[in-house]
Amino acid sequence: MAPFLDRLFRSARSWLGAALLAAACARPARWTEPVSGIEFALIPAGEFQMGSPESEPGHEPGEVLHSVRLTRSFYLGATEVTQAQWSRVMGSNPSNFRSCGPDCPVEGVSWFDIQRFLVRLTRLSGRSFRLPTESEWEYACRAGATTAYSAGPRLDPDEANYDARDPRGGGPAGRFRGSPVAVRSFRANAFGLYDMHGNVWEWTEDEYCPYPRGAAVDPLARCDSPLRVIRGGSWAFDADSARCALRYTHRSRDSGYSLGFRLARAL
């Protein structure tokens, strides 16, 4: 083969190999786990300000504003895990609001219950799943926003399922639905995630610990605390509890009527 053609062939082969590698490494923006039917959205790696400024209405001392960098992209459930999805994996339904229907979020589950769900789903699926870290959850909730809520500085009753009888947080007063509602009942945020505000509280993997001093990279809180962090508020709490920065807690064994979760999958 002539030297010129040989170089051309080698260049083309190198380019094709790189293109195939890039295609193989590319991840779809949406992916559905086939056993449970849980849909996941791809969340890109990035950096954000975690916590809230002291000027934010409802700001609490534990919400110290600090920089967090997430170095790896990850998949996060587009919705809270539903009663139907839990039942497909576990063969049972622990929810208090079963009459709400299969597309309503499963609730009444403890952190320990979720660990059993994760073990079984991982075995059935052949892929590994986990709860999101507290920083991953807040980053996904914000979806690029720096305001109290992903859509702005206030939350309206037609944007999420929370107790709107008390217009705390600057939004207008509204009705109290009194129970969870079907997932996807409200508009998704910029990452394509539903119900990051309200509906049911969502367990995270972190223990409740003080935020680190200064910037953090891929944090996962461990401090021998008996409490774990839950996020997002619920149908039974006001708008202030649904702020992206709000930290709330429960003991790992607790399984209240508004405690649910969404899953993460590492890449």
Protein backbone atom coordinates (compact mmCIF):
# COMPACT_ATOMS: atom_id res chain seq x y z
CA MET A 1 0.00 0.00 0.00
CA ALA A 2 1.33 3.48 -0.86
CA PRO A 3 2.52 5.48 2.17
CA PHE A 4 -0.12 8.15 1.62
CA LEU A 5 -2.95 5.59 1.42
CA ASP A 6 -1.56 3.75 4.42
CA ARG A 7 -1.60 6.94 6.51
CA LEU A 8 -5.11 7.73 5.29
CA PHE A 9 -6.30 4.24 6.19
CA ARG A 10 -4.73 4.41 9.65
CA SER A 11 -6.24 7.86 10.26
CA ALA A 12 -9.69 6.69 9.18
CA ARG A 13 -9.44 3.58 11.36
CA SER A 14 -8.33 5.69 14.35
CA TRP A 15 -11.19 8.14 13.81
CA LEU A 16 -13.73 5.32 13.47
CA GLY A 17 -12.45 3.64 16.63
CA ALA A 18 -12.75 6.90 18.56
CA ALA A 19 -16.25 7.47 17.21
CA LEU A 20 -17.33 3.96 18.19
CA LEU A 21 -15.82 4.40 21.65
CA ALA A 22 -17.62 7.71 22.11
CA ALA A 23 -20.88 6.13 21.00
CA ALA A 24 -20.38 3.24 23.40
CA CYS A 25 -19.65 5.61 26.28
CA ALA A 26 -22.60 7.90 25.53
CA ARG A 27 -25.53 7.59 27.90
CA PRO A 28 -29.16 8.14 26.93
CA ALA A 29 -30.85 11.09 28.56
CA ARG A 30 -33.58 8.70 29.75
CA TRP A 31 -33.28 5.06 30.75
CA THR A 32 -35.95 2.68 32.09
CA GLU A 33 -35.10 -0.24 34.35
CA PRO A 34 -37.01 -3.17 32.77
CA VAL A 35 -37.97 -5.13 35.92
CA SER A 36 -39.49 -2.33 37.97
CA GLY A 37 -40.35 0.08 35.17
CA ILE A 38 -38.59 2.92 36.99
CA GLU A 39 -37.56 5.67 34.57
CA PHE A 40 -34.28 7.47 35.20
CA ALA A 41 -33.03 10.87 34.00
CA LEU A 42 -29.35 11.49 33.35
CA ILE A 43 -28.01 14.19 35.69
CA PRO A 44 -24.74 15.76 34.50
CA ALA A 45 -21.75 16.31 36.75
CA GLY A 46 -21.40 19.90 37.92
CA GLU A 47 -20.83 22.40 40.69
CA PHE A 48 -23.38 24.38 42.70
CA GLN A 49 -23.97 26.33 45.89
CA MET A 50 -25.56 24.01 48.44
CA GLY A 51 -27.62 25.44 51.26
CA SER A 52 -29.32 28.82 51.31
CA PRO A 53 -28.37 32.46 51.89
CA GLU A 54 -29.46 33.99 55.17
CA SER A 55 -31.75 36.29 53.19
CA GLU A 56 -33.85 33.37 51.90
CA PRO A 57 -37.25 33.21 53.65
CA GLY A 58 -37.30 30.20 55.97
CA HIS A 59 -33.49 29.90 56.07
CA GLU A 60 -32.29 27.69 58.94
CA PRO A 61 -28.85 27.68 60.61
CA GLY A 62 -28.01 24.23 59.24
CA GLU A 63 -28.35 25.43 55.64
CA VAL A 64 -24.87 27.00 55.55
CA LEU A 65 -24.12 28.04 51.99
CA HIS A 66 -21.07 26.26 50.55
CA SER A 67 -19.72 25.10 47.21
CA VAL A 68 -20.14 21.45 46.19
CA ARG A 69 -18.66 19.77 43.13
CA LEU A 70 -20.13 16.51 41.85
CA THR A 71 -17.49 14.94 39.64
CA ARG A 72 -19.58 12.14 38.13
CA SER A 73 -22.81 12.09 36.20
CA PHE A 74 -25.51 9.82 37.58
CA TYR A 75 -29.03 8.63 36.88
CA LEU A 76 -31.84 9.73 39.19
CA GLY A 77 -35.42 8.49 39.18
CA ALA A 78 -37.59 10.82 37.11
CA THR A 79 -40.29 10.25 39.74
CA GLU A 80 -40.62 8.98 43.25
CA VAL A 81 -40.86 5.18 43.31
CA THR A 82 -44.52 4.30 42.87
CA GLN A 83 -46.69 1.73 44.58
CA ALA A 84 -46.77 -0.34 41.39
CA GLN A 85 -42.99 -0.27 41.03
CA TRP A 86 -42.46 -1.29 44.65
CA SER A 87 -44.98 -4.12 44.25
CA ARG A 88 -43.25 -5.45 41.12
CA VAL A 89 -40.01 -5.81 43.06
CA MET A 90 -41.22 -6.73 46.56
CA GLY A 91 -44.56 -8.44 45.89
CA SER A 92 -46.30 -6.28 48.50
CA ASN A 93 -47.50 -2.73 49.08
CA PRO A 94 -46.82 -1.05 52.44
CA SER A 95 -48.51 2.24 51.52
CA ASN A 96 -51.06 3.89 53.77
CA PHE A 97 -52.78 5.43 50.73
CA ARG A 98 -53.31 2.37 48.55
CA SER A 99 -56.59 3.83 47.34
CA CYS A 100 -54.56 6.60 45.69
CA GLY A 101 -53.63 4.08 43.00
CA PRO A 102 -50.60 2.32 41.52
CA ASP A 103 -49.12 5.52 40.06
CA CYS A 104 -48.99 7.25 43.44
CA PRO A 105 -45.70 7.19 45.32
CA VAL A 106 -45.08 4.36 47.73
CA GLU A 107 -44.92 5.68 51.30
CA GLY A 108 -44.73 4.28 54.78
CA VAL A 109 -41.26 2.90 54.04
CA SER A 110 -38.25 3.18 56.35
CA TRP A 111 -34.62 3.57 55.32
CA PHE A 112 -34.14 -0.09 56.24
CA ASP A 113 -37.13 -1.11 54.07
CA ILE A 114 -35.51 0.68 51.15
CA GLN A 115 -32.22 -1.16 51.69
CA ARG A 116 -34.10 -4.44 51.27
CA PHE A 117 -35.74 -3.08 48.12
CA LEU A 118 -32.32 -2.12 46.75
CA VAL A 119 -30.89 -5.59 47.39
CA ARG A 120 -33.78 -7.29 45.63
CA LEU A 121 -33.89 -4.88 42.67
CA THR A 122 -30.13 -5.18 42.18
CA ARG A 123 -30.42 -8.98 42.16
CA LEU A 124 -33.33 -8.97 39.71
CA SER A 125 -31.91 -6.29 37.43
CA GLY A 126 -28.22 -7.13 37.46
CA ARG A 127 -27.45 -3.43 37.93
CA SER A 128 -26.59 -1.50 41.07
CA PHE A 129 -28.91 1.09 42.59
CA ARG A 130 -28.80 3.26 45.70
CA LEU A 131 -30.34 6.28 47.36
CA PRO A 132 -29.02 9.66 46.23
CA THR A 133 -26.66 11.53 48.51
CA GLU A 134 -27.99 14.71 50.08
CA SER A 135 -25.84 16.84 47.76
CA GLU A 136 -26.96 14.91 44.66
CA TRP A 137 -30.57 15.39 45.74
CA GLU A 138 -30.26 19.16 46.19
CA TYR A 139 -28.28 19.57 42.97
CA ALA A 140 -31.01 17.67 41.10
CA CYS A 141 -33.77 19.66 42.83
CA ARG A 142 -32.23 22.96 41.83
CA ALA A 143 -31.56 21.91 38.22
CA GLY A 144 -29.44 25.03 37.81
CA ALA A 145 -31.60 27.34 39.92
CA THR A 146 -30.26 29.39 42.83
CA THR A 147 -33.68 30.32 44.20
CA ALA A 148 -35.62 28.62 47.00
CA TYR A 149 -37.49 26.45 44.50
CA SER A 150 -36.47 25.18 41.08
CA ALA A 151 -38.99 27.45 39.33
CA GLY A 152 -38.29 30.60 41.35
CA PRO A 153 -38.42 32.22 44.79
CA ARG A 154 -41.90 30.96 45.66
CA LEU A 155 -44.04 27.85 45.21
CA ASP A 156 -47.60 27.93 43.90
CA PRO A 157 -50.29 25.32 44.73
CA ASP A 158 -50.57 24.34 41.06
CA GLU A 159 -46.84 23.50 40.93
CA ALA A 160 -46.62 20.85 43.68
CA ASN A 161 -48.60 18.83 46.21
CA TYR A 162 -48.12 20.45 49.63
CA ASP A 163 -50.31 21.95 52.35
CA ALA A 164 -51.10 25.29 50.75
CA ARG A 165 -53.52 26.47 53.41
CA ASP A 166 -50.63 28.36 54.97
CA PRO A 167 -49.09 30.61 52.26
CA ARG A 168 -45.68 30.49 53.93
CA GLY A 169 -42.80 31.03 51.51
CA GLY A 170 -44.46 33.87 49.64
CA GLY A 171 -46.79 31.83 47.45
CA PRO A 172 -50.56 32.22 47.34
CA ALA A 173 -52.87 30.28 49.64
CA GLY A 174 -54.48 27.18 48.19
CA ARG A 175 -56.15 23.93 49.12
CA PHE A 176 -54.95 21.00 51.16
CA ARG A 177 -55.22 17.81 49.10
CA GLY A 178 -54.78 15.61 52.16
CA SER A 179 -52.90 12.75 50.49
CA PRO A 180 -50.27 11.97 47.88
CA VAL A 181 -51.21 12.28 44.22
CA ALA A 182 -50.06 10.36 41.15
CA VAL A 183 -46.51 11.11 40.07
CA ARG A 184 -46.16 13.40 37.02
CA SER A 185 -49.22 15.38 38.11
CA PHE A 186 -47.15 18.57 37.93
CA ARG A 187 -44.58 20.01 35.58
CA ALA A 188 -41.04 18.60 35.69
CA ASN A 189 -38.01 20.74 36.53
CA ALA A 190 -35.22 21.58 34.07
CA PHE A 191 -33.60 18.15 34.60
CA GLY A 192 -36.87 16.39 33.77
CA LEU A 193 -37.57 15.37 37.38
CA TYR A 194 -41.07 15.36 38.86
CA ASP A 195 -42.21 16.11 42.43
CA MET A 196 -38.87 17.29 43.78
CA HIS A 197 -41.11 19.62 45.78
CA GLY A 198 -43.87 18.02 47.83
CA ASN A 199 -45.90 14.80 47.40
CA VAL A 200 -43.77 12.64 49.75
CA TRP A 201 -40.55 13.18 51.67
CA GLU A 202 -37.57 11.46 50.06
CA TRP A 203 -34.90 9.54 51.96
CA THR A 204 -31.26 10.22 51.14
CA GLU A 205 -28.15 8.18 51.92
CA ASP A 206 -26.63 10.78 54.27
CA GLU A 207 -26.62 10.90 58.03
CA TYR A 208 -27.63 14.28 59.44
CA CYS A 209 -24.30 16.03 60.02
CA PRO A 210 -23.11 19.65 59.98
CA TYR A 211 -22.08 20.79 56.55
CA PRO A 212 -18.31 20.77 55.89
CA ARG A 213 -16.31 23.94 56.32
CA GLY A 214 -15.57 25.30 52.88
CA ALA A 215 -15.95 23.58 49.51
CA ALA A 216 -16.73 19.86 49.21
CA VAL A 217 -16.27 17.27 46.46
CA ASP A 218 -18.74 14.36 46.15
CA PRO A 219 -19.69 14.54 49.85
CA LEU A 220 -21.39 11.71 51.74
CA ALA A 221 -22.10 12.63 55.37
CA ARG A 222 -21.08 10.22 58.13
CA CYS A 223 -20.86 11.39 61.77
CA ASP A 224 -22.44 8.55 63.82
CA SER A 225 -25.72 10.43 63.85
CA PRO A 226 -28.89 8.42 64.65
CA LEU A 227 -30.76 10.57 62.10
CA ARG A 228 -30.83 10.45 58.32
CA VAL A 229 -31.67 13.31 56.00
CA ILE A 230 -34.95 13.43 54.13
CA ARG A 231 -35.70 16.08 51.53
CA GLY A 232 -38.41 17.74 49.49
CA GLY A 233 -41.39 18.20 51.79
CA SER A 234 -44.68 16.37 51.33
CA TRP A 235 -48.44 16.67 50.93
CA ALA A 236 -48.73 17.07 54.74
CA PHE A 237 -46.24 19.96 55.11
CA ASP A 238 -46.18 23.59 54.01
CA ALA A 239 -44.27 25.17 51.12
CA ASP A 240 -41.33 26.15 53.29
CA SER A 241 -40.56 22.46 53.90
CA ALA A 242 -40.34 21.92 50.15
CA ARG A 243 -37.48 24.38 49.59
CA CYS A 244 -34.48 22.88 47.78
CA ALA A 245 -32.21 23.68 50.73
CA LEU A 246 -34.48 22.53 53.57
CA ARG A 247 -33.01 19.66 55.62
CA TYR A 248 -35.33 17.44 57.63
CA THR A 249 -34.64 14.19 59.44
CA HIS A 250 -35.97 10.84 60.57
CA ARG A 251 -34.51 7.81 62.27
CA SER A 252 -33.66 5.00 59.88
CA ARG A 253 -36.41 2.78 61.28
CA ASP A 254 -39.17 5.39 60.91
CA SER A 255 -41.86 4.78 58.29
CA GLY A 256 -44.31 7.68 58.37
CA TYR A 257 -47.30 8.16 56.11
CA SER A 258 -45.46 10.71 53.96
CA LEU A 259 -42.03 9.02 53.75
CA GLY A 260 -41.05 7.84 50.27
CA PHE A 261 -37.97 7.87 48.05
CA ARG A 262 -36.48 7.97 44.57
CA LEU A 263 -33.55 5.93 43.34
CA ALA A 264 -30.14 6.78 41.97
CA ARG A 265 -27.95 4.66 39.72
CA ALA A 266 -24.22 5.29 39.44
CA LEU A 267 -22.61 5.22 36.01
